[in-house]
Amino acid sequence: MIVCHCSIQLPDDSTNTFVRALKDCVRPGIVMVVVILPSNRKDRYDAIKTYCCVENPGTRLPSVVTDQRLILLSTCR
């Protein structure tokens, strides 16, 4: 059950913007992060996963990182 969620629209799709948004929003008590990317770029995916799994202060943060095209394809079926 999702008790609370935070949806953020970013001003651009740079890797640094995504990681900065995670750093600004992740707080103690958050149990999972879902990131929907505008396109499939390995460097951006790797940076997000690195922050959530390695650099996140305190603990590893479970995360789902997906491409918006996959969501659109799955809803059109």
PDB file of N, CA and C in Angstrom:
ATOM      1  N   MET A   1       0.843  -1.179   0.000  1.00  0.00           N
ATOM      2  CA  MET A   1       0.000   0.000   0.000  1.00  0.00           C
ATOM      3  C   MET A   1       0.889   1.243   0.000  1.00  0.00           C
ATOM      4  N   ILE A   2       0.590   2.170  -0.865  1.00  0.00           N
ATOM      5  CA  ILE A   2       1.332   3.430  -0.923  1.00  0.00           C
ATOM      6  C   ILE A   2       0.648   4.423   0.003  1.00  0.00           C
ATOM      7  N   VAL A   3       1.367   4.843   1.015  1.00  0.00           N
ATOM      8  CA  VAL A   3       0.810   5.781   1.986  1.00  0.00           C
ATOM      9  C   VAL A   3       0.992   7.209   1.501  1.00  0.00           C
ATOM     10  N   CYS A   4       2.160   7.490   0.971  1.00  0.00           N
ATOM     11  CA  CYS A   4       2.472   8.841   0.522  1.00  0.00           C
ATOM     12  C   CYS A   4       3.401   8.733  -0.670  1.00  0.00           C
ATOM     13  N   HIS A   5       3.212   9.582  -1.629  1.00  0.00           N
ATOM     14  CA  HIS A   5       4.121   9.584  -2.769  1.00  0.00           C
ATOM     15  C   HIS A   5       4.484  11.015  -3.128  1.00  0.00           C
ATOM     16  N   CYS A   6       5.575  11.132  -3.797  1.00  0.00           N
ATOM     17  CA  CYS A   6       6.062  12.439  -4.219  1.00  0.00           C
ATOM     18  C   CYS A   6       6.348  12.358  -5.711  1.00  0.00           C
ATOM     19  N   SER A   7       5.711  13.195  -6.480  1.00  0.00           N
ATOM     20  CA  SER A   7       5.924  13.227  -7.918  1.00  0.00           C
ATOM     21  C   SER A   7       6.641  14.528  -8.262  1.00  0.00           C
ATOM     22  N   ILE A   8       7.727  14.400  -9.005  1.00  0.00           N
ATOM     23  CA  ILE A   8       8.537  15.575  -9.334  1.00  0.00           C
ATOM     24  C   ILE A   8       8.732  15.649 -10.837  1.00  0.00           C
ATOM     25  N   GLN A   9       8.503  16.808 -11.404  1.00  0.00           N
ATOM     26  CA  GLN A   9       8.837  17.050 -12.795  1.00  0.00           C
ATOM     27  C   GLN A   9      10.133  17.827 -12.833  1.00  0.00           C
ATOM     28  N   LEU A  10      11.080  17.329 -13.592  1.00  0.00           N
ATOM     29  CA  LEU A  10      12.405  17.952 -13.640  1.00  0.00           C
ATOM     30  C   LEU A  10      12.504  18.917 -14.818  1.00  0.00           C
ATOM     31  N   PRO A  11      13.308  19.968 -14.665  1.00  0.00           N
ATOM     32  CA  PRO A  11      13.418  20.980 -15.723  1.00  0.00           C
ATOM     33  C   PRO A  11      14.173  20.504 -16.965  1.00  0.00           C
ATOM     34  N   ASP A  12      15.009  19.475 -16.812  1.00  0.00           N
ATOM     35  CA  ASP A  12      15.745  18.927 -17.952  1.00  0.00           C
ATOM     36  C   ASP A  12      16.033  17.458 -17.674  1.00  0.00           C
ATOM     37  N   ASP A  13      16.600  16.779 -18.649  1.00  0.00           N
ATOM     38  CA  ASP A  13      16.810  15.342 -18.482  1.00  0.00           C
ATOM     39  C   ASP A  13      18.281  14.970 -18.298  1.00  0.00           C
ATOM     40  N   SER A  14      19.062  15.880 -17.741  1.00  0.00           N
ATOM     41  CA  SER A  14      20.468  15.572 -17.512  1.00  0.00           C
ATOM     42  C   SER A  14      20.616  14.599 -16.338  1.00  0.00           C
ATOM     43  N   THR A  15      21.663  13.831 -16.380  1.00  0.00           N
ATOM     44  CA  THR A  15      21.941  12.866 -15.320  1.00  0.00           C
ATOM     45  C   THR A  15      22.064  13.568 -13.966  1.00  0.00           C
ATOM     46  N   ASN A  16      22.775  14.681 -13.933  1.00  0.00           N
ATOM     47  CA  ASN A  16      22.957  15.419 -12.676  1.00  0.00           C
ATOM     48  C   ASN A  16      21.638  15.896 -12.093  1.00  0.00           C
ATOM     49  N   THR A  17      20.707  16.287 -12.933  1.00  0.00           N
ATOM     50  CA  THR A  17      19.406  16.746 -12.449  1.00  0.00           C
ATOM     51  C   THR A  17      18.654  15.614 -11.761  1.00  0.00           C
ATOM     52  N   PHE A  18      18.699  14.417 -12.344  1.00  0.00           N
ATOM     53  CA  PHE A  18      18.026  13.274 -11.721  1.00  0.00           C
ATOM     54  C   PHE A  18      18.652  12.925 -10.379  1.00  0.00           C
ATOM     55  N   VAL A  19      19.967  12.865 -10.324  1.00  0.00           N
ATOM     56  CA  VAL A  19      20.638  12.505  -9.074  1.00  0.00           C
ATOM     57  C   VAL A  19      20.423  13.591  -8.015  1.00  0.00           C
ATOM     58  N   ARG A  20      20.501  14.842  -8.409  1.00  0.00           N
ATOM     59  CA  ARG A  20      20.269  15.947  -7.470  1.00  0.00           C
ATOM     60  C   ARG A  20      18.850  15.875  -6.895  1.00  0.00           C
ATOM     61  N   ALA A  21      17.870  15.564  -7.737  1.00  0.00           N
ATOM     62  CA  ALA A  21      16.485  15.442  -7.267  1.00  0.00           C
ATOM     63  C   ALA A  21      16.354  14.304  -6.253  1.00  0.00           C
ATOM     64  N   LEU A  22      17.018  13.202  -6.511  1.00  0.00           N
ATOM     65  CA  LEU A  22      16.999  12.108  -5.537  1.00  0.00           C
ATOM     66  C   LEU A  22      17.614  12.537  -4.211  1.00  0.00           C
ATOM     67  N   LYS A  23      18.753  13.185  -4.292  1.00  0.00           N
ATOM     68  CA  LYS A  23      19.419  13.635  -3.063  1.00  0.00           C
ATOM     69  C   LYS A  23      18.552  14.610  -2.279  1.00  0.00           C
ATOM     70  N   ASP A  24      17.809  15.458  -2.983  1.00  0.00           N
ATOM     71  CA  ASP A  24      16.941  16.438  -2.323  1.00  0.00           C
ATOM     72  C   ASP A  24      15.697  15.798  -1.717  1.00  0.00           C
ATOM     73  N   CYS A  25      15.211  14.725  -2.315  1.00  0.00           N
ATOM     74  CA  CYS A  25      13.917  14.164  -1.914  1.00  0.00           C
ATOM     75  C   CYS A  25      13.988  12.949  -1.002  1.00  0.00           C
ATOM     76  N   VAL A  26      15.062  12.194  -1.088  1.00  0.00           N
ATOM     77  CA  VAL A  26      15.156  10.975  -0.276  1.00  0.00           C
ATOM     78  C   VAL A  26      15.411  11.351   1.172  1.00  0.00           C
ATOM     79  N   ARG A  27      14.512  10.861   2.022  1.00  0.00           N
ATOM     80  CA  ARG A  27      14.591  11.137   3.458  1.00  0.00           C
ATOM     81  C   ARG A  27      14.433   9.828   4.220  1.00  0.00           C
ATOM     82  N   PRO A  28      14.805   9.817   5.487  1.00  0.00           N
ATOM     83  CA  PRO A  28      14.576   8.609   6.297  1.00  0.00           C
ATOM     84  C   PRO A  28      13.089   8.234   6.259  1.00  0.00           C
ATOM     85  N   GLY A  29      12.818   6.968   6.173  1.00  0.00           N
ATOM     86  CA  GLY A  29      11.432   6.504   6.128  1.00  0.00           C
ATOM     87  C   GLY A  29      10.958   6.164   4.722  1.00  0.00           C
ATOM     88  N   ILE A  30      11.635   6.658   3.708  1.00  0.00           N
ATOM     89  CA  ILE A  30      11.279   6.302   2.339  1.00  0.00           C
ATOM     90  C   ILE A  30      11.745   4.868   2.109  1.00  0.00           C
ATOM     91  N   VAL A  31      10.846   4.029   1.614  1.00  0.00           N
ATOM     92  CA  VAL A  31      11.170   2.614   1.477  1.00  0.00           C
ATOM     93  C   VAL A  31      11.441   2.197   0.032  1.00  0.00           C
ATOM     94  N   MET A  32      11.096   3.045  -0.927  1.00  0.00           N
ATOM     95  CA  MET A  32      11.317   2.680  -2.324  1.00  0.00           C
ATOM     96  C   MET A  32      11.240   3.926  -3.197  1.00  0.00           C
ATOM     97  N   VAL A  33      12.011   3.889  -4.296  1.00  0.00           N
ATOM     98  CA  VAL A  33      12.005   4.977  -5.263  1.00  0.00           C
ATOM     99  C   VAL A  33      11.658   4.396  -6.630  1.00  0.00           C
ATOM    100  N   VAL A  34      10.759   5.063  -7.340  1.00  0.00           N
ATOM    101  CA  VAL A  34      10.436   4.702  -8.716  1.00  0.00           C
ATOM    102  C   VAL A  34      10.786   5.899  -9.581  1.00  0.00           C
ATOM    103  N   VAL A  35      11.652   5.665 -10.570  1.00  0.00           N
ATOM    104  CA  VAL A  35      12.089   6.736 -11.464  1.00  0.00           C
ATOM    105  C   VAL A  35      11.674   6.369 -12.883  1.00  0.00           C
ATOM    106  N   ILE A  36      10.965   7.274 -13.533  1.00  0.00           N
ATOM    107  CA  ILE A  36      10.554   7.071 -14.921  1.00  0.00           C
ATOM    108  C   ILE A  36      11.375   8.008 -15.789  1.00  0.00           C
ATOM    109  N   LEU A  37      12.196   7.423 -16.626  1.00  0.00           N
ATOM    110  CA  LEU A  37      13.112   8.185 -17.476  1.00  0.00           C
ATOM    111  C   LEU A  37      12.468   8.513 -18.819  1.00  0.00           C
ATOM    112  N   PRO A  38      12.826   9.650 -19.409  1.00  0.00           N
ATOM    113  CA  PRO A  38      12.261  10.009 -20.717  1.00  0.00           C
ATOM    114  C   PRO A  38      12.839   9.199 -21.866  1.00  0.00           C
ATOM    115  N   SER A  39      14.024   8.646 -21.667  1.00  0.00           N
ATOM    116  CA  SER A  39      14.660   7.850 -22.719  1.00  0.00           C
ATOM    117  C   SER A  39      15.607   6.849 -22.067  1.00  0.00           C
ATOM    118  N   ASN A  40      16.075   5.931 -22.866  1.00  0.00           N
ATOM    119  CA  ASN A  40      16.929   4.862 -22.369  1.00  0.00           C
ATOM    120  C   ASN A  40      18.399   5.266 -22.519  1.00  0.00           C
ATOM    121  N   ARG A  41      18.977   5.794 -21.428  1.00  0.00           N
ATOM    122  CA  ARG A  41      20.401   6.149 -21.427  1.00  0.00           C
ATOM    123  C   ARG A  41      21.083   5.453 -20.269  1.00  0.00           C
ATOM    124  N   LYS A  42      22.066   4.641 -20.603  1.00  0.00           N
ATOM    125  CA  LYS A  42      22.756   3.832 -19.602  1.00  0.00           C
ATOM    126  C   LYS A  42      23.449   4.681 -18.541  1.00  0.00           C
ATOM    127  N   ASP A  43      24.059   5.788 -18.912  1.00  0.00           N
ATOM    128  CA  ASP A  43      24.764   6.607 -17.922  1.00  0.00           C
ATOM    129  C   ASP A  43      23.810   7.153 -16.864  1.00  0.00           C
ATOM    130  N   ARG A  44      22.627   7.551 -17.274  1.00  0.00           N
ATOM    131  CA  ARG A  44      21.648   8.085 -16.325  1.00  0.00           C
ATOM    132  C   ARG A  44      21.127   6.968 -15.424  1.00  0.00           C
ATOM    133  N   TYR A  45      20.798   5.818 -16.019  1.00  0.00           N
ATOM    134  CA  TYR A  45      20.347   4.662 -15.253  1.00  0.00           C
ATOM    135  C   TYR A  45      21.398   4.264 -14.217  1.00  0.00           C
ATOM    136  N   ASP A  46      22.651   4.165 -14.645  1.00  0.00           N
ATOM    137  CA  ASP A  46      23.739   3.772 -13.746  1.00  0.00           C
ATOM    138  C   ASP A  46      23.924   4.764 -12.603  1.00  0.00           C
ATOM    139  N   ALA A  47      23.815   6.050 -12.888  1.00  0.00           N
ATOM    140  CA  ALA A  47      23.982   7.073 -11.843  1.00  0.00           C
ATOM    141  C   ALA A  47      22.872   6.980 -10.802  1.00  0.00           C
ATOM    142  N   ILE A  48      21.645   6.756 -11.248  1.00  0.00           N
ATOM    143  CA  ILE A  48      20.516   6.639 -10.318  1.00  0.00           C
ATOM    144  C   ILE A  48      20.677   5.389  -9.461  1.00  0.00           C
ATOM    145  N   LYS A  49      21.005   4.263 -10.076  1.00  0.00           N
ATOM    146  CA  LYS A  49      21.189   3.024  -9.330  1.00  0.00           C
ATOM    147  C   LYS A  49      22.371   3.131  -8.366  1.00  0.00           C
ATOM    148  N   THR A  50      23.438   3.772  -8.786  1.00  0.00           N
ATOM    149  CA  THR A  50      24.597   3.955  -7.908  1.00  0.00           C
ATOM    150  C   THR A  50      24.213   4.764  -6.682  1.00  0.00           C
ATOM    151  N   TYR A  51      23.460   5.833  -6.868  1.00  0.00           N
ATOM    152  CA  TYR A  51      23.041   6.625  -5.715  1.00  0.00           C
ATOM    153  C   TYR A  51      22.169   5.781  -4.776  1.00  0.00           C
ATOM    154  N   CYS A  52      21.180   5.094  -5.327  1.00  0.00           N
ATOM    155  CA  CYS A  52      20.246   4.341  -4.485  1.00  0.00           C
ATOM    156  C   CYS A  52      20.899   3.142  -3.798  1.00  0.00           C
ATOM    157  N   CYS A  53      21.819   2.487  -4.466  1.00  0.00           N
ATOM    158  CA  CYS A  53      22.379   1.237  -3.933  1.00  0.00           C
ATOM    159  C   CYS A  53      23.717   1.396  -3.224  1.00  0.00           C
ATOM    160  N   VAL A  54      24.459   2.458  -3.531  1.00  0.00           N
ATOM    161  CA  VAL A  54      25.810   2.593  -2.981  1.00  0.00           C
ATOM    162  C   VAL A  54      25.979   3.883  -2.181  1.00  0.00           C
ATOM    163  N   GLU A  55      25.607   4.999  -2.764  1.00  0.00           N
ATOM    164  CA  GLU A  55      25.913   6.295  -2.170  1.00  0.00           C
ATOM    165  C   GLU A  55      24.863   6.814  -1.207  1.00  0.00           C
ATOM    166  N   ASN A  56      23.679   6.233  -1.201  1.00  0.00           N
ATOM    167  CA  ASN A  56      22.603   6.723  -0.348  1.00  0.00           C
ATOM    168  C   ASN A  56      23.005   6.618   1.117  1.00  0.00           C
ATOM    169  N   PRO A  57      22.999   7.739   1.834  1.00  0.00           N
ATOM    170  CA  PRO A  57      23.386   7.694   3.247  1.00  0.00           C
ATOM    171  C   PRO A  57      22.450   6.792   4.052  1.00  0.00           C
ATOM    172  N   GLY A  58      23.006   5.993   4.874  1.00  0.00           N
ATOM    173  CA  GLY A  58      22.204   5.160   5.760  1.00  0.00           C
ATOM    174  C   GLY A  58      22.030   3.740   5.288  1.00  0.00           C
ATOM    175  N   THR A  59      21.307   3.559   4.226  1.00  0.00           N
ATOM    176  CA  THR A  59      20.982   2.203   3.791  1.00  0.00           C
ATOM    177  C   THR A  59      20.774   2.146   2.287  1.00  0.00           C
ATOM    178  N   ARG A  60      20.796   0.954   1.759  1.00  0.00           N
ATOM    179  CA  ARG A  60      20.471   0.783   0.344  1.00  0.00           C
ATOM    180  C   ARG A  60      18.986   1.025   0.149  1.00  0.00           C
ATOM    181  N   LEU A  61      18.661   1.758  -0.875  1.00  0.00           N
ATOM    182  CA  LEU A  61      17.276   2.123  -1.138  1.00  0.00           C
ATOM    183  C   LEU A  61      16.779   1.347  -2.353  1.00  0.00           C
ATOM    184  N   PRO A  62      15.778   0.468  -2.172  1.00  0.00           N
ATOM    185  CA  PRO A  62      15.233  -0.239  -3.327  1.00  0.00           C
ATOM    186  C   PRO A  62      14.723   0.766  -4.360  1.00  0.00           C
ATOM    187  N   SER A  63      14.982   0.464  -5.624  1.00  0.00           N
ATOM    188  CA  SER A  63      14.583   1.401  -6.670  1.00  0.00           C
ATOM    189  C   SER A  63      14.166   0.664  -7.931  1.00  0.00           C
ATOM    190  N   VAL A  64      13.236   1.275  -8.637  1.00  0.00           N
ATOM    191  CA  VAL A  64      12.807   0.814  -9.950  1.00  0.00           C
ATOM    192  C   VAL A  64      13.077   1.969 -10.895  1.00  0.00           C
ATOM    193  N   VAL A  65      13.836   1.701 -11.937  1.00  0.00           N
ATOM    194  CA  VAL A  65      14.138   2.732 -12.933  1.00  0.00           C
ATOM    195  C   VAL A  65      13.678   2.192 -14.278  1.00  0.00           C
ATOM    196  N   THR A  66      12.774   2.911 -14.913  1.00  0.00           N
ATOM    197  CA  THR A  66      12.226   2.437 -16.176  1.00  0.00           C
ATOM    198  C   THR A  66      12.123   3.576 -17.175  1.00  0.00           C
ATOM    199  N   ASP A  67      11.933   3.197 -18.400  1.00  0.00           N
ATOM    200  CA  ASP A  67      11.806   4.129 -19.518  1.00  0.00           C
ATOM    201  C   ASP A  67      10.315   4.392 -19.748  1.00  0.00           C
ATOM    202  N   GLN A  68       9.933   5.639 -19.982  1.00  0.00           N
ATOM    203  CA  GLN A  68       8.518   5.948 -20.169  1.00  0.00           C
ATOM    204  C   GLN A  68       7.905   5.210 -21.355  1.00  0.00           C
ATOM    205  N   ARG A  69       8.718   4.858 -22.338  1.00  0.00           N
ATOM    206  CA  ARG A  69       8.194   4.124 -23.492  1.00  0.00           C
ATOM    207  C   ARG A  69       7.661   2.763 -23.080  1.00  0.00           C
ATOM    208  N   LEU A  70       8.308   2.116 -22.117  1.00  0.00           N
ATOM    209  CA  LEU A  70       7.832   0.815 -21.650  1.00  0.00           C
ATOM    210  C   LEU A  70       6.472   0.934 -20.979  1.00  0.00           C
ATOM    211  N   ILE A  71       6.272   1.999 -20.264  1.00  0.00           N
ATOM    212  CA  ILE A  71       4.975   2.222 -19.606  1.00  0.00           C
ATOM    213  C   ILE A  71       3.906   2.478 -20.663  1.00  0.00           C
ATOM    214  N   LEU A  72       4.222   3.307 -21.641  1.00  0.00           N
ATOM    215  CA  LEU A  72       3.267   3.586 -22.707  1.00  0.00           C
ATOM    216  C   LEU A  72       2.925   2.328 -23.490  1.00  0.00           C
ATOM    217  N   LEU A  73       3.912   1.501 -23.786  1.00  0.00           N
ATOM    218  CA  LEU A  73       3.664   0.257 -24.522  1.00  0.00           C
ATOM    219  C   LEU A  73       2.785  -0.696 -23.730  1.00  0.00           C
ATOM    220  N   SER A  74       3.022  -0.797 -22.437  1.00  0.00           N
ATOM    221  CA  SER A  74       2.248  -1.732 -21.638  1.00  0.00           C
ATOM    222  C   SER A  74       0.806  -1.266 -21.433  1.00  0.00           C
ATOM    223  N   THR A  75       0.554   0.036 -21.476  1.00  0.00           N
ATOM    224  CA  THR A  75      -0.817   0.529 -21.309  1.00  0.00           C
ATOM    225  C   THR A  75      -1.604   0.481 -22.618  1.00  0.00           C
ATOM    226  N   CYS A  76      -0.916   0.365 -23.743  1.00  0.00           N
ATOM    227  CA  CYS A  76      -1.584   0.330 -25.042  1.00  0.00           C
ATOM    228  C   CYS A  76      -2.013  -1.070 -25.446  1.00  0.00           C
ATOM    229  N   ARG A  77      -1.624  -2.058 -24.713  1.00  0.00           N
ATOM    230  CA  ARG A  77      -1.954  -3.447 -25.085  1.00  0.00           C
ATOM    231  C   ARG A  77      -3.322  -3.839 -24.658  1.00  0.00           C
TER     232      ARG A  77
END
